[in-house]
Structure formats: C-alpha cells, structure tokens
C-alpha atoms as a PDB file:
ATOM      1  CA  MET A   1      -6.009 -15.954  12.283  1.00  0.00           C
ATOM      2  CA  ILE A   2      -7.465 -15.547  15.909  1.00  0.00           C
ATOM      3  CA  LYS A   3     -10.567 -18.045  16.452  1.00  0.00           C
ATOM      4  CA  GLN A   4     -13.451 -15.950  16.353  1.00  0.00           C
ATOM      5  CA  PHE A   5     -16.416 -16.029  19.089  1.00  0.00           C
ATOM      6  CA  VAL A   6     -19.142 -14.684  16.834  1.00  0.00           C
ATOM      7  CA  PRO A   7     -20.479 -17.517  14.393  1.00  0.00           C
ATOM      8  CA  GLN A   8     -20.620 -16.708  11.118  1.00  0.00           C
ATOM      9  CA  GLU A   9     -23.748 -17.142   9.687  1.00  0.00           C
ATOM     10  CA  TYR A  10     -24.958 -14.339  12.355  1.00  0.00           C
ATOM     11  CA  CYS A  11     -22.524 -12.060  10.678  1.00  0.00           C
ATOM     12  CA  LEU A  12     -23.939 -12.278   7.320  1.00  0.00           C
ATOM     13  CA  LYS A  13     -27.494 -11.518   8.646  1.00  0.00           C
ATOM     14  CA  CYS A  14     -26.513  -8.548  10.752  1.00  0.00           C
ATOM     15  CA  GLN A  15     -26.285  -4.750   9.182  1.00  0.00           C
ATOM     16  CA  GLY A  16     -23.717  -3.519  11.893  1.00  0.00           C
ATOM     17  CA  CYS A  17     -19.850  -4.028  11.220  1.00  0.00           C
ATOM     18  CA  CYS A  18     -17.981  -2.294   8.463  1.00  0.00           C
ATOM     19  CA  ARG A  19     -20.840   0.628   8.623  1.00  0.00           C
ATOM     20  CA  PHE A  20     -19.638   4.148   9.963  1.00  0.00           C
ATOM     21  CA  LYS A  21     -21.810   6.989  10.720  1.00  0.00           C
ATOM     22  CA  GLU A  22     -18.540   9.347   8.979  1.00  0.00           C
ATOM     23  CA  ALA A  23     -16.203   8.581   6.593  1.00  0.00           C
ATOM     24  CA  ASN A  24     -13.426   9.908   9.266  1.00  0.00           C
ATOM     25  CA  SER A  25     -14.591   7.135  12.227  1.00  0.00           C
ATOM     26  CA  ALA A  26     -12.871   6.393  15.355  1.00  0.00           C
ATOM     27  CA  TRP A  27     -13.898   2.772  14.641  1.00  0.00           C
ATOM     28  CA  SER A  28     -12.829   2.021  11.469  1.00  0.00           C
ATOM     29  CA  PRO A  29     -10.085  -0.305  11.737  1.00  0.00           C
ATOM     30  CA  CYS A  30      -6.134   0.726  12.387  1.00  0.00           C
ATOM     31  CA  LEU A  31      -3.915  -1.690  10.363  1.00  0.00           C
ATOM     32  CA  LEU A  32      -0.506  -2.600  11.986  1.00  0.00           C
ATOM     33  CA  ASP A  33       2.435  -1.433  10.360  1.00  0.00           C
ATOM     34  CA  GLU A  34       3.429  -5.036   8.679  1.00  0.00           C
ATOM     35  CA  GLU A  35      -0.134  -5.503   7.230  1.00  0.00           C
ATOM     36  CA  ILE A  36      -0.382  -2.511   5.110  1.00  0.00           C
ATOM     37  CA  GLN A  37       2.232  -2.993   1.736  1.00  0.00           C
ATOM     38  CA  GLY A  38       0.420  -5.972   1.839  1.00  0.00           C
ATOM     39  CA  LEU A  39      -2.577  -4.992   1.861  1.00  0.00           C
ATOM     40  CA  LEU A  40      -2.253  -2.625  -1.265  1.00  0.00           C
ATOM     41  CA  ASP A  41      -0.274  -5.717  -3.020  1.00  0.00           C
ATOM     42  CA  ARG A  42      -2.859  -7.716  -2.702  1.00  0.00           C
ATOM     43  CA  THR A  43      -6.109  -5.753  -3.714  1.00  0.00           C
ATOM     44  CA  ASP A  44      -7.464  -2.800  -5.983  1.00  0.00           C
ATOM     45  CA  LEU A  45      -6.959  -0.304  -2.533  1.00  0.00           C
ATOM     46  CA  PRO A  46      -5.290   3.049  -3.410  1.00  0.00           C
ATOM     47  CA  ALA A  47      -2.281   4.243  -0.596  1.00  0.00           C
ATOM     48  CA  ALA A  48      -4.714   7.549  -0.832  1.00  0.00           C
ATOM     49  CA  SER A  49      -7.074   5.152   1.113  1.00  0.00           C
ATOM     50  CA  ILE A  50      -5.083   4.186   3.899  1.00  0.00           C
ATOM     51  CA  SER A  51      -4.791   7.678   6.132  1.00  0.00           C
ATOM     52  CA  ILE A  52      -1.582   8.755   8.257  1.00  0.00           C
ATOM     53  CA  ASP A  53      -3.457   7.217  11.172  1.00  0.00           C
ATOM     54  CA  ARG A  54      -2.789   3.946   9.450  1.00  0.00           C
ATOM     55  CA  ARG A  55      -6.969   3.632   9.516  1.00  0.00           C
ATOM     56  CA  ILE A  56      -8.863   1.817   6.848  1.00  0.00           C
ATOM     57  CA  GLN A  57     -10.769   5.129   5.087  1.00  0.00           C
ATOM     58  CA  PRO A  58     -14.655   4.389   4.448  1.00  0.00           C
ATOM     59  CA  VAL A  59     -16.200   4.834   1.676  1.00  0.00           C
ATOM     60  CA  ALA A  60     -19.573   6.452   0.765  1.00  0.00           C
ATOM     61  CA  ASN A  61     -22.341   3.213   0.578  1.00  0.00           C
ATOM     62  CA  SER A  62     -24.147   3.324  -2.299  1.00  0.00           C
ATOM     63  CA  HIS A  63     -27.385   1.187  -0.941  1.00  0.00           C
ATOM     64  CA  GLY A  64     -27.440   3.498   2.056  1.00  0.00           C
ATOM     65  CA  ALA A  65     -26.322   6.907   3.851  1.00  0.00           C
ATOM     66  CA  GLU A  66     -23.881   5.339   5.754  1.00  0.00           C
ATOM     67  CA  PHE A  67     -19.808   5.036   4.539  1.00  0.00           C
ATOM     68  CA  ILE A  68     -18.825   1.492   4.739  1.00  0.00           C
ATOM     69  CA  CYS A  69     -15.514  -0.232   4.485  1.00  0.00           C
ATOM     70  CA  PRO A  70     -13.934  -0.419   0.518  1.00  0.00           C
ATOM     71  CA  PHE A  71     -14.257  -4.352   1.437  1.00  0.00           C
ATOM     72  CA  LEU A  72     -17.293  -4.694   2.281  1.00  0.00           C
ATOM     73  CA  ASN A  73     -20.473  -5.816  -0.178  1.00  0.00           C
ATOM     74  CA  SER A  74     -23.489  -4.486   1.204  1.00  0.00           C
ATOM     75  CA  LEU A  75     -26.026  -6.455  -0.647  1.00  0.00           C
ATOM     76  CA  ASP A  76     -24.126 -10.254   0.533  1.00  0.00           C
ATOM     77  CA  ASN A  77     -22.000  -8.156   3.832  1.00  0.00           C
ATOM     78  CA  LYS A  78     -19.570 -10.269   3.415  1.00  0.00           C
ATOM     79  CA  CYS A  79     -15.443  -9.147   3.446  1.00  0.00           C
ATOM     80  CA  ALA A  80     -13.932  -9.221  -0.243  1.00  0.00           C
ATOM     81  CA  ILE A  81     -10.407  -9.930   2.574  1.00  0.00           C
ATOM     82  CA  TYR A  82     -12.122 -11.654   4.676  1.00  0.00           C
ATOM     83  CA  THR A  83      -9.738 -14.257   4.996  1.00  0.00           C
ATOM     84  CA  GLY A  84      -6.836 -12.790   5.162  1.00  0.00           C
ATOM     85  CA  ARG A  85      -7.973  -9.295   6.744  1.00  0.00           C
ATOM     86  CA  PRO A  86      -6.503  -7.518   9.089  1.00  0.00           C
ATOM     87  CA  PHE A  87      -5.410  -7.673  13.008  1.00  0.00           C
ATOM     88  CA  GLU A  88      -8.198  -5.151  14.443  1.00  0.00           C
ATOM     89  CA  CYS A  89     -10.942  -7.328  12.029  1.00  0.00           C
ATOM     90  CA  GLN A  90      -9.891 -10.224  13.094  1.00  0.00           C
ATOM     91  CA  LEU A  91     -10.427  -9.443  17.165  1.00  0.00           C
ATOM     92  CA  TYR A  92     -13.728  -7.313  16.479  1.00  0.00           C
ATOM     93  CA  PRO A  93     -16.344  -6.959  18.485  1.00  0.00           C
ATOM     94  CA  PHE A  94     -13.487  -7.125  20.679  1.00  0.00           C
ATOM     95  CA  LEU A  95     -10.867  -4.534  20.930  1.00  0.00           C
ATOM     96  CA  ILE A  96      -7.510  -3.238  22.391  1.00  0.00           C
ATOM     97  CA  ASN A  97      -8.343  -0.106  24.465  1.00  0.00           C
ATOM     98  CA  LEU A  98      -6.321   2.249  26.231  1.00  0.00           C
ATOM     99  CA  ARG A  99      -7.974   3.890  29.516  1.00  0.00           C
ATOM    100  CA  LYS A 100      -5.884   5.459  32.748  1.00  0.00           C
ATOM    101  CA  GLY A 101      -2.817   4.418  31.129  1.00  0.00           C
ATOM    102  CA  ARG A 102      -3.688   0.724  31.202  1.00  0.00           C
ATOM    103  CA  VAL A 103      -4.035  -1.403  28.764  1.00  0.00           C
ATOM    104  CA  LEU A 104      -7.036  -2.955  28.256  1.00  0.00           C
ATOM    105  CA  LEU A 105      -8.748  -5.963  26.294  1.00  0.00           C
ATOM    106  CA  THR A 106     -13.014  -4.194  25.403  1.00  0.00           C
ATOM    107  CA  VAL A 107     -16.130  -5.823  23.703  1.00  0.00           C
ATOM    108  CA  ASP A 108     -18.248  -3.429  22.141  1.00  0.00           C
ATOM    109  CA  LEU A 109     -22.076  -4.642  23.427  1.00  0.00           C
ATOM    110  CA  ASN A 110     -23.495  -2.976  19.892  1.00  0.00           C
ATOM    111  CA  CYS A 111     -22.460  -6.172  18.710  1.00  0.00           C
ATOM    112  CA  PRO A 112     -26.058  -8.010  18.882  1.00  0.00           C
ATOM    113  CA  TYR A 113     -24.485 -11.296  19.479  1.00  0.00           C
ATOM    114  CA  VAL A 114     -22.351 -10.218  21.773  1.00  0.00           C
ATOM    115  CA  TYR A 115     -24.380  -8.197  23.711  1.00  0.00           C
ATOM    116  CA  GLU A 116     -26.669 -11.699  24.534  1.00  0.00           C
ATOM    117  CA  ASN A 117     -23.919 -13.731  25.389  1.00  0.00           C
ATOM    118  CA  ILE A 118     -20.962 -11.696  27.372  1.00  0.00           C
ATOM    119  CA  ASN A 119     -22.077 -13.649  30.185  1.00  0.00           C
ATOM    120  CA  SER A 120     -22.447 -17.034  28.883  1.00  0.00           C
ATOM    121  CA  GLN A 121     -19.641 -19.579  29.619  1.00  0.00           C
ATOM    122  CA  GLY A 122     -18.646 -19.119  25.797  1.00  0.00           C
ATOM    123  CA  ALA A 123     -18.033 -15.764  26.008  1.00  0.00           C
ATOM    124  CA  LYS A 124     -15.163 -16.427  29.382  1.00  0.00           C
ATOM    125  CA  ASP A 125     -13.805 -19.547  27.663  1.00  0.00           C
ATOM    126  CA  TYR A 126     -13.180 -17.133  24.162  1.00  0.00           C
ATOM    127  CA  ILE A 127     -12.035 -13.777  26.637  1.00  0.00           C
ATOM    128  CA  VAL A 128      -9.494 -16.387  28.348  1.00  0.00           C
ATOM    129  CA  TYR A 129      -8.111 -18.131  25.004  1.00  0.00           C
ATOM    130  CA  LEU A 130      -8.156 -13.945  23.427  1.00  0.00           C
ATOM    131  CA  CYS A 131      -6.192 -13.079  27.058  1.00  0.00           C
ATOM    132  CA  ASP A 132      -3.866 -16.027  26.389  1.00  0.00           C
ATOM    133  CA  PHE A 133      -3.566 -15.492  22.822  1.00  0.00           C
ATOM    134  CA  LEU A 134      -2.736 -11.178  23.323  1.00  0.00           C
ATOM    135  CA  ASN A 135      -0.564 -11.436  26.178  1.00  0.00           C
ATOM    136  CA  SER A 136       1.980 -14.495  23.840  1.00  0.00           C
ATOM    137  CA  PRO A 137       5.810 -12.840  23.557  1.00  0.00           C
ATOM    138  CA  LYS A 138       4.957 -12.473  19.662  1.00  0.00           C
ATOM    139  CA  GLN A 139       1.432 -10.288  20.010  1.00  0.00           C
ATOM    140  CA  LEU A 140       3.546  -8.622  23.254  1.00  0.00           C
ATOM    141  CA  LYS A 141       5.801  -7.755  20.992  1.00  0.00           C
ATOM    142  CA  MET A 142       3.487  -6.817  18.002  1.00  0.00           C
ATOM    143  CA  LEU A 143       1.191  -4.678  19.745  1.00  0.00           C
ATOM    144  CA  LYS A 144       4.493  -2.597  21.297  1.00  0.00           C
ATOM    145  CA  ASN A 145       5.242  -2.478  18.159  1.00  0.00           C
ATOM    146  CA  ASN A 146       1.771  -0.955  16.807  1.00  0.00           C
ATOM    147  CA  PRO A 147       0.629   1.459  19.298  1.00  0.00           C
ATOM    148  CA  GLN A 148      -1.573   2.834  17.237  1.00  0.00           C
ATOM    149  CA  ILE A 149      -3.617  -0.580  17.267  1.00  0.00           C
ATOM    150  CA  ILE A 150      -4.270   0.545  21.243  1.00  0.00           C
ATOM    151  CA  GLN A 151      -7.256   3.324  20.962  1.00  0.00           C
ATOM    152  CA  ALA A 152      -9.595   5.110  23.719  1.00  0.00           C
ATOM    153  CA  TYR A 153     -12.749   3.476  22.318  1.00  0.00           C
ATOM    154  CA  GLU A 154     -16.296   4.800  24.444  1.00  0.00           C
ATOM    155  CA  GLU A 155     -18.523   3.144  25.072  1.00  0.00           C
ATOM    156  CA  VAL A 156     -17.501  -0.736  25.387  1.00  0.00           C
ATOM    157  CA  ARG A 157     -16.749  -3.176  28.382  1.00  0.00           C
ATOM    158  CA  GLU A 158     -13.646  -3.540  30.101  1.00  0.00           C
ATOM    159  CA  VAL A 159     -13.189  -7.368  30.197  1.00  0.00           C
ATOM    160  CA  ALA A 160      -9.788  -8.007  30.919  1.00  0.00           C
ATOM    161  CA  GLU A 161      -6.088  -6.089  31.256  1.00  0.00           C
ATOM    162  CA  LEU A 162      -3.331  -6.946  29.556  1.00  0.00           C
ATOM    163  CA  ARG A 163       0.487  -7.381  29.755  1.00  0.00           C
ATOM    164  CA  LEU A 164       1.386  -4.998  27.648  1.00  0.00           C
ATOM    165  CA  PRO A 165       5.411  -3.935  28.330  1.00  0.00           C
ATOM    166  CA  HIS A 166       5.776   0.026  28.834  1.00  0.00           C
END
C-alpha cells in the first residue's frame, strides 16, 4: 500500500476523484495485469466492466450528470474497495506519465489539496518518497511488465523523472 499524501478527511469532502465527464475517460483507473483477476474474484464487478485497455469502466451516476467509478458511493464519497484499491488509485493524484519518450512522475493539479500544497515541504518530501518507491527494483519491474499504466496524461505537472529501463 502506498503512503497517501492527501489526508482522507480532505478526500471525503471533495467531489473530484473517481468522477468522469464521459464513460470512456482516459482518467479512469488503469489496472495492472496482476490486479484484474483479483478484482473480479473479490468484487461483483462483471468482466465486461474492464475495458480491453485494462481500465475500469465508469458507470452513469444516479446522483449527477457525470460518470463515476463503479466502486464509488457518490452519497458518502467512499470507495467500496479502498483497502484493496488498484495501484493507480493508490498513487493518485500522482500519475505515471509518458512524455517525449521519458517516463515521468506527474501530479494532477485539479486535486484541490495538491493545488494548495504542491510547493510545501510535505509535498517535496512525499515526492522523494514516491520516487524512491517507484524507482525500487520491484516497482521498476512492475512498471516494465505493465506498460499500460504509463499513460500520456495532459494538463498535469511534471515532478520527477523515473529510471524505467528500456
């Protein structure tokens, strides 16, 4: 489990994460190969809810106009699989990004907490923690074996380059 930067009480008040403007959003969580079967085994998520590019397919939100993660309870803003959520969900609002052939750690400044705190010492310390974690041999192997997790997100801020072997 990745240590979190955004405090849980802040997340539970926000209405940003796990919500998408469209059903086929590039922002919906991408799964590691090893997460897919475990997710299907321990939840009632139908296999058809995972796209060919290994993304969790958002569902229509019965309490709003947008789409939401099928594991999000939009009334209390809680995740039904929080303790076993996918790697990319644990990492967010930080993302692994591919830009001009470089693998980067980036951050989504649409997260209000990050936007307000990105220049704090706590954020700087957390970025060092994440880089150390992601550059560890185990995580580098996981990233190399799961290239789908390395996306080309737009409108994110670069914070560090990762040492992913080619």
